Amino acid sequence: MTQILPSRTRPARTYAAVALFLAVYAGVLVFVFAPKDMIAVQSPTALVASD
């Protein structure tokens, strides 16, 4: 008599966790490899000095 093993379904939580990981990973890569001019942040002292 053959037994049929039930297929294991992945919960939506697993897919959400993978999607979140990929989004954060892509965001970090964009931040690391972006040109310096694209992400230009002035320090608060530079903002005060420019007034």
N, C-alpha and C. Protein backbone atom coordinates (compact mmCIF):
# COMPACT_ATOMS: atom_id res chain seq x y z
N MET A 1 0.85 -1.17 0.00
CA MET A 1 0.00 0.00 0.00
C MET A 1 0.90 1.24 0.00
N THR A 2 0.67 2.10 -0.96
CA THR A 2 1.49 3.30 -1.05
C THR A 2 0.86 4.43 -0.24
N GLN A 3 1.71 5.17 0.38
CA GLN A 3 1.24 6.32 1.15
C GLN A 3 1.61 7.60 0.41
N ILE A 4 0.69 8.49 0.34
CA ILE A 4 0.93 9.78 -0.30
C ILE A 4 1.26 10.79 0.80
N LEU A 5 2.44 11.34 0.70
CA LEU A 5 2.84 12.32 1.69
C LEU A 5 2.14 13.65 1.40
N PRO A 6 1.64 14.29 2.42
CA PRO A 6 0.99 15.58 2.20
C PRO A 6 2.01 16.63 1.76
N SER A 7 1.62 17.45 0.81
CA SER A 7 2.55 18.48 0.34
C SER A 7 2.67 19.56 1.41
N ARG A 8 3.87 20.01 1.59
CA ARG A 8 4.12 21.02 2.61
C ARG A 8 3.93 22.39 1.99
N THR A 9 3.01 23.13 2.51
CA THR A 9 2.78 24.48 2.00
C THR A 9 3.53 25.47 2.88
N ARG A 10 4.05 26.47 2.24
CA ARG A 10 4.78 27.50 2.99
C ARG A 10 3.80 28.57 3.42
N PRO A 11 3.87 28.96 4.65
CA PRO A 11 2.94 30.01 5.11
C PRO A 11 3.30 31.36 4.49
N ALA A 12 2.32 32.25 4.45
CA ALA A 12 2.53 33.58 3.88
C ALA A 12 3.58 34.35 4.67
N ARG A 13 3.74 34.00 5.94
CA ARG A 13 4.76 34.66 6.77
C ARG A 13 6.15 34.46 6.19
N THR A 14 6.42 33.28 5.67
CA THR A 14 7.73 33.00 5.10
C THR A 14 7.98 33.89 3.88
N TYR A 15 6.98 34.01 3.02
CA TYR A 15 7.14 34.85 1.84
C TYR A 15 7.29 36.32 2.23
N ALA A 16 6.58 36.75 3.26
CA ALA A 16 6.70 38.13 3.72
C ALA A 16 8.10 38.38 4.26
N ALA A 17 8.65 37.43 4.99
CA ALA A 17 10.00 37.58 5.55
C ALA A 17 11.04 37.64 4.43
N VAL A 18 10.89 36.81 3.43
CA VAL A 18 11.83 36.82 2.30
C VAL A 18 11.72 38.13 1.54
N ALA A 19 10.49 38.60 1.32
CA ALA A 19 10.30 39.86 0.60
C ALA A 19 10.90 41.03 1.39
N LEU A 20 10.73 41.04 2.70
CA LEU A 20 11.30 42.10 3.52
C LEU A 20 12.82 42.07 3.47
N PHE A 21 13.39 40.87 3.55
CA PHE A 21 14.84 40.74 3.48
C PHE A 21 15.36 41.26 2.15
N LEU A 22 14.71 40.89 1.05
CA LEU A 22 15.17 41.34 -0.27
C LEU A 22 15.04 42.85 -0.42
N ALA A 23 13.98 43.43 0.14
CA ALA A 23 13.79 44.88 0.05
C ALA A 23 14.90 45.61 0.82
N VAL A 24 15.20 45.13 2.02
CA VAL A 24 16.25 45.76 2.82
C VAL A 24 17.61 45.57 2.15
N TYR A 25 17.86 44.38 1.62
CA TYR A 25 19.13 44.09 0.95
C TYR A 25 19.30 45.00 -0.26
N ALA A 26 18.25 45.16 -1.06
CA ALA A 26 18.32 46.03 -2.24
C ALA A 26 18.53 47.48 -1.82
N GLY A 27 17.87 47.90 -0.74
CA GLY A 27 18.05 49.26 -0.26
C GLY A 27 19.47 49.53 0.19
N VAL A 28 20.06 48.58 0.86
CA VAL A 28 21.46 48.74 1.30
C VAL A 28 22.38 48.80 0.09
N LEU A 29 22.15 47.96 -0.91
CA LEU A 29 22.99 47.99 -2.11
C LEU A 29 22.87 49.33 -2.83
N VAL A 30 21.65 49.85 -2.93
CA VAL A 30 21.46 51.15 -3.57
C VAL A 30 22.20 52.23 -2.79
N PHE A 31 22.11 52.20 -1.47
CA PHE A 31 22.77 53.20 -0.64
C PHE A 31 24.29 53.10 -0.76
N VAL A 32 24.82 51.88 -0.84
CA VAL A 32 26.27 51.70 -0.89
C VAL A 32 26.83 52.09 -2.26
N PHE A 33 26.13 51.70 -3.33
CA PHE A 33 26.66 51.91 -4.67
C PHE A 33 26.14 53.18 -5.36
N ALA A 34 25.34 53.98 -4.69
CA ALA A 34 24.83 55.21 -5.28
C ALA A 34 25.96 56.23 -5.40
N PRO A 35 25.89 57.08 -6.41
CA PRO A 35 26.91 58.14 -6.52
C PRO A 35 26.85 59.07 -5.31
N LYS A 36 27.97 59.64 -4.98
CA LYS A 36 28.04 60.50 -3.79
C LYS A 36 27.11 61.71 -3.92
N ASP A 37 26.92 62.24 -5.12
CA ASP A 37 26.07 63.41 -5.31
C ASP A 37 24.60 63.09 -5.09
N MET A 38 24.22 61.84 -5.30
CA MET A 38 22.82 61.47 -5.15
C MET A 38 22.40 61.50 -3.68
N ILE A 39 23.29 61.09 -2.80
CA ILE A 39 22.98 61.06 -1.36
C ILE A 39 23.91 62.07 -0.68
N ALA A 40 23.57 63.34 -0.82
CA ALA A 40 24.38 64.40 -0.22
C ALA A 40 23.65 64.91 1.01
N VAL A 41 24.26 64.72 2.15
CA VAL A 41 23.66 65.16 3.40
C VAL A 41 24.60 66.17 4.05
N GLN A 42 24.06 67.31 4.41
CA GLN A 42 24.87 68.31 5.09
C GLN A 42 24.72 68.13 6.59
N SER A 43 25.79 68.42 7.29
CA SER A 43 25.73 68.35 8.74
C SER A 43 24.96 69.55 9.26
N PRO A 44 24.39 69.46 10.45
CA PRO A 44 23.65 70.60 11.02
C PRO A 44 24.52 71.85 11.16
N THR A 45 25.81 71.69 11.42
CA THR A 45 26.67 72.87 11.55
C THR A 45 26.84 73.55 10.20
N ALA A 46 26.87 72.79 9.12
CA ALA A 46 26.97 73.38 7.79
C ALA A 46 25.70 74.15 7.45
N LEU A 47 24.56 73.65 7.89
CA LEU A 47 23.30 74.35 7.64
C LEU A 47 23.23 75.65 8.40
N VAL A 48 23.74 75.68 9.62
CA VAL A 48 23.74 76.91 10.43
C VAL A 48 24.71 77.92 9.84
N ALA A 49 25.85 77.44 9.37
CA ALA A 49 26.86 78.34 8.83
C ALA A 49 26.40 78.96 7.50
N SER A 50 25.54 78.30 6.76
CA SER A 50 25.11 78.82 5.47
C SER A 50 24.02 79.87 5.61
N ASP A 51 23.45 80.05 6.80
CA ASP A 51 22.37 81.05 6.98
C ASP A 51 22.92 82.45 7.02
